[in-house]
Amino acid sequence: QILYLKPPWTLANLLKCYRKHWMAVFGYVVPRSLLSAIECLDKHLCTGKPIDTSTVRILLQESKKILHAFSLRSDYNGVLPQAYAEVNKLYQTFTEDLSEDIMVLSENAVCEKMEAMTPNLQNSEEKKPHPSFHVTQENRRQEIWSVLEGVWNTINLYSIEIFQKLDPNTVTMTAKSSFEEAFLGLQKLLAAVNDIREGISR
């Protein structure tokens, strides 16, 4: 009944409508703190700038929070559960990819340790690094930093999920599986981070 922008809507238009009517309309339907999630989507999805993997994972998590909040009001003729399932599937895919990256990094750290222990039988001239060596090392540092940043972002997301579910005002039966999933995810990440730390310390 109240239209800030008339349909047909683009994603950018919808997010603008959310922000325009948040306090007067949507803030009475879902927690008002979710405005930060709307602003996060607007900031990253409506600027036309490229998005890295870790940011995509954050945006999927924010989308899940919004869809879950509205699902407590209505399933909107079955559309909302379907949307949530698709977003959650994408989120799981990105999380699994992160886990694989962590495993590869851990394996590489072990291999590098073994190579370092191999006796160096080359003469002093052969010991001089190739000009591309420093470039390779720098790329390696960036790769390691990227994976660690992804781990950190994922830990933050799982932590947010857990602490939200610990709030007695927001706990529901439908959130139980998500809570357990987040807790198990943190346990797996903890083991993976320990592997990375041991590999680096070697």
Protein backbone atom coordinates (compact mmCIF):
# COMPACT_ATOMS: atom_id res chain seq x y z
CA GLN A 1 0.00 0.00 0.00
CA ILE A 2 2.96 2.31 0.58
CA LEU A 3 5.29 2.39 -2.41
CA TYR A 4 8.60 4.24 -2.37
CA LEU A 5 9.48 2.75 -5.77
CA LYS A 6 6.90 1.15 -8.04
CA PRO A 7 7.40 -2.35 -9.53
CA PRO A 8 8.90 -4.05 -11.40
CA TRP A 9 11.69 -4.00 -8.85
CA THR A 10 15.38 -4.69 -9.20
CA LEU A 11 17.40 -5.94 -6.23
CA ALA A 12 18.76 -2.42 -5.75
CA ASN A 13 15.19 -1.03 -5.70
CA LEU A 14 14.06 -3.59 -3.14
CA LEU A 15 16.96 -2.82 -0.84
CA LYS A 16 16.20 0.90 -1.14
CA CYS A 17 12.57 0.19 -0.18
CA TYR A 18 13.72 -1.80 2.84
CA ARG A 19 15.95 1.03 4.00
CA LYS A 20 13.32 3.73 3.33
CA HIS A 21 10.54 1.97 5.26
CA TRP A 22 12.64 0.06 7.80
CA MET A 23 11.70 1.99 10.94
CA ALA A 24 8.05 2.50 10.04
CA VAL A 25 7.25 -0.90 8.52
CA PHE A 26 9.83 -3.68 8.49
CA GLY A 27 11.22 -2.87 11.92
CA TYR A 28 7.88 -4.00 13.37
CA VAL A 29 8.02 -7.33 11.51
CA VAL A 30 11.63 -8.38 12.10
CA PRO A 31 14.33 -7.27 14.56
CA ARG A 32 15.43 -3.72 13.75
CA SER A 33 19.07 -4.74 14.16
CA LEU A 34 18.77 -6.55 10.83
CA LEU A 35 19.04 -3.19 9.09
CA SER A 36 22.81 -3.70 9.16
CA ALA A 37 22.34 -6.86 7.06
CA ILE A 38 20.26 -4.92 4.52
CA GLU A 39 22.92 -2.23 4.35
CA CYS A 40 25.64 -4.86 3.91
CA LEU A 41 23.81 -6.36 0.91
CA ASP A 42 23.22 -2.92 -0.56
CA LYS A 43 26.85 -1.91 -0.13
CA HIS A 44 28.31 -4.96 -1.87
CA LEU A 45 25.65 -6.01 -4.39
CA CYS A 46 24.53 -2.67 -5.82
CA THR A 47 27.84 -0.94 -6.54
CA GLY A 48 28.86 -3.02 -9.55
CA LYS A 49 32.25 -3.76 -8.02
CA PRO A 50 33.73 -7.30 -8.10
CA ILE A 51 33.27 -9.39 -4.94
CA ASP A 52 35.83 -11.82 -3.52
CA THR A 53 35.03 -15.25 -2.13
CA SER A 54 35.13 -14.28 1.54
CA THR A 55 32.71 -11.38 0.91
CA VAL A 56 30.32 -13.67 -0.96
CA ARG A 57 30.27 -15.98 2.05
CA ILE A 58 29.44 -13.03 4.33
CA LEU A 59 26.65 -11.85 2.00
CA LEU A 60 25.14 -15.34 1.94
CA GLN A 61 25.21 -15.44 5.73
CA GLU A 62 23.53 -12.03 5.96
CA SER A 63 20.89 -13.19 3.46
CA LYS A 64 20.21 -16.27 5.57
CA LYS A 65 19.68 -14.06 8.63
CA ILE A 66 17.16 -11.89 6.78
CA LEU A 67 15.24 -14.82 5.28
CA HIS A 68 15.15 -16.62 8.62
CA ALA A 69 13.81 -13.54 10.40
CA PHE A 70 10.98 -13.11 7.90
CA SER A 71 10.21 -16.85 7.99
CA LEU A 72 9.18 -16.46 11.63
CA ARG A 73 6.33 -14.25 10.38
CA SER A 74 5.19 -16.27 7.34
CA ASP A 75 6.41 -18.71 4.69
CA TYR A 76 4.99 -16.37 2.03
CA ASN A 77 3.20 -19.14 0.12
CA GLY A 78 6.26 -21.40 0.22
CA VAL A 79 8.53 -18.95 -1.61
CA LEU A 80 10.63 -18.05 1.39
CA PRO A 81 11.63 -21.62 2.45
CA GLN A 82 12.66 -22.32 -1.13
CA ALA A 83 14.78 -19.17 -1.24
CA TYR A 84 16.36 -19.99 2.12
CA ALA A 85 17.21 -23.53 0.95
CA GLU A 86 18.94 -22.21 -2.18
CA VAL A 87 20.94 -19.60 -0.25
CA ASN A 88 21.91 -22.17 2.37
CA LYS A 89 23.06 -24.59 -0.34
CA LEU A 90 25.30 -21.90 -1.83
CA TYR A 91 26.64 -21.08 1.62
CA GLN A 92 27.47 -24.75 2.29
CA THR A 93 29.30 -24.93 -1.05
CA PHE A 94 31.49 -21.95 -0.16
CA THR A 95 32.15 -23.37 3.31
CA GLU A 96 33.20 -26.74 1.86
CA ASP A 97 35.50 -24.97 -0.62
CA LEU A 98 37.13 -23.13 2.30
CA SER A 99 37.69 -26.42 4.14
CA GLU A 100 39.37 -27.88 1.05
CA ASP A 101 41.62 -24.81 0.77
CA ILE A 102 42.64 -25.24 4.41
CA MET A 103 43.50 -28.91 3.85
CA VAL A 104 45.61 -28.07 0.78
CA LEU A 105 47.45 -25.36 2.73
CA SER A 106 48.16 -27.78 5.59
CA GLU A 107 49.50 -30.41 3.18
CA ASN A 108 51.71 -27.84 1.46
CA ALA A 109 53.14 -26.76 4.82
CA VAL A 110 54.14 -30.36 5.58
CA CYS A 111 55.72 -30.78 2.14
CA GLU A 112 57.70 -27.56 2.55
CA LYS A 113 58.94 -28.77 5.93
CA MET A 114 60.15 -32.03 4.38
CA GLU A 115 61.90 -30.15 1.58
CA ALA A 116 63.64 -27.91 4.12
CA MET A 117 65.01 -30.98 5.92
CA THR A 118 66.51 -32.42 2.71
CA PRO A 119 70.33 -32.01 2.67
CA ASN A 120 71.40 -29.26 0.29
CA LEU A 121 74.07 -30.72 -1.99
CA GLN A 122 74.28 -27.78 -4.38
CA ASN A 123 77.33 -25.51 -4.56
CA SER A 124 77.30 -21.87 -3.51
CA GLU A 125 76.50 -20.59 -7.00
CA GLU A 126 73.46 -22.84 -7.27
CA LYS A 127 72.26 -21.55 -3.93
CA LYS A 128 71.58 -18.09 -5.38
CA PRO A 129 67.81 -17.69 -5.74
CA HIS A 130 66.36 -17.24 -9.19
CA PRO A 131 64.94 -13.72 -9.84
CA SER A 132 61.43 -15.18 -9.92
CA PHE A 133 61.94 -16.79 -6.50
CA HIS A 134 60.99 -13.65 -4.58
CA VAL A 135 57.89 -13.20 -6.72
CA THR A 136 56.86 -16.79 -6.01
CA GLN A 137 57.42 -16.30 -2.30
CA GLU A 138 55.32 -13.14 -2.31
CA ASN A 139 52.49 -14.92 -4.15
CA ARG A 140 52.73 -17.70 -1.59
CA ARG A 141 52.41 -15.22 1.27
CA GLN A 142 49.34 -13.66 -0.37
CA GLU A 143 47.81 -17.10 -0.86
CA ILE A 144 48.36 -18.02 2.79
CA TRP A 145 46.98 -14.67 3.94
CA SER A 146 43.89 -15.11 1.75
CA VAL A 147 43.13 -18.53 3.24
CA LEU A 148 43.67 -17.30 6.80
CA GLU A 149 41.40 -14.33 6.12
CA GLY A 150 38.74 -16.72 4.83
CA VAL A 151 39.08 -18.85 7.97
CA TRP A 152 38.74 -15.76 10.17
CA ASN A 153 35.63 -14.55 8.33
CA THR A 154 34.02 -17.97 8.56
CA ILE A 155 34.76 -18.21 12.29
CA ASN A 156 33.14 -14.80 12.78
CA LEU A 157 30.06 -15.88 10.85
CA TYR A 158 29.68 -19.11 12.82
CA SER A 159 30.17 -17.17 16.06
CA ILE A 160 27.45 -14.70 15.13
CA GLU A 161 25.14 -17.61 14.29
CA ILE A 162 25.82 -19.29 17.65
CA PHE A 163 25.43 -16.18 19.81
CA GLN A 164 22.20 -15.26 18.05
CA LYS A 165 20.83 -18.72 18.79
CA LEU A 166 21.92 -18.42 22.43
CA ASP A 167 19.64 -15.42 22.82
CA PRO A 168 16.51 -16.87 24.51
CA ASN A 169 14.35 -14.32 22.70
CA THR A 170 15.31 -15.66 19.28
CA VAL A 171 15.76 -19.40 19.88
CA THR A 172 13.26 -21.55 17.97
CA MET A 173 12.98 -25.24 17.18
CA THR A 174 13.74 -24.57 13.52
CA ALA A 175 17.02 -22.90 14.50
CA LYS A 176 18.31 -25.96 16.38
CA SER A 177 19.88 -27.66 13.37
CA SER A 178 21.50 -24.41 12.28
CA PHE A 179 22.95 -23.94 15.77
CA GLU A 180 24.38 -27.47 15.85
CA GLU A 181 25.74 -27.04 12.33
CA ALA A 182 27.47 -23.80 13.33
CA PHE A 183 28.96 -25.39 16.47
CA LEU A 184 30.32 -28.40 14.53
CA GLY A 185 31.67 -26.03 11.90
CA LEU A 186 33.63 -24.12 14.54
CA GLN A 187 35.08 -27.40 15.88
CA LYS A 188 36.30 -28.34 12.39
CA LEU A 189 37.73 -24.88 11.82
CA LEU A 190 39.57 -25.01 15.15
CA ALA A 191 41.33 -28.22 14.12
CA ALA A 192 42.18 -26.76 10.71
CA VAL A 193 43.57 -23.55 12.22
CA ASN A 194 45.75 -25.61 14.58
CA ASP A 195 47.13 -27.49 11.54
CA ILE A 196 47.93 -24.17 9.84
CA ARG A 197 49.60 -22.80 12.99
CA GLU A 198 51.77 -25.92 13.36
CA GLY A 199 52.73 -25.78 9.68
CA ILE A 200 53.78 -22.13 9.94
CA SER A 201 55.69 -22.63 13.20
CA ARG A 202 57.76 -25.36 11.55
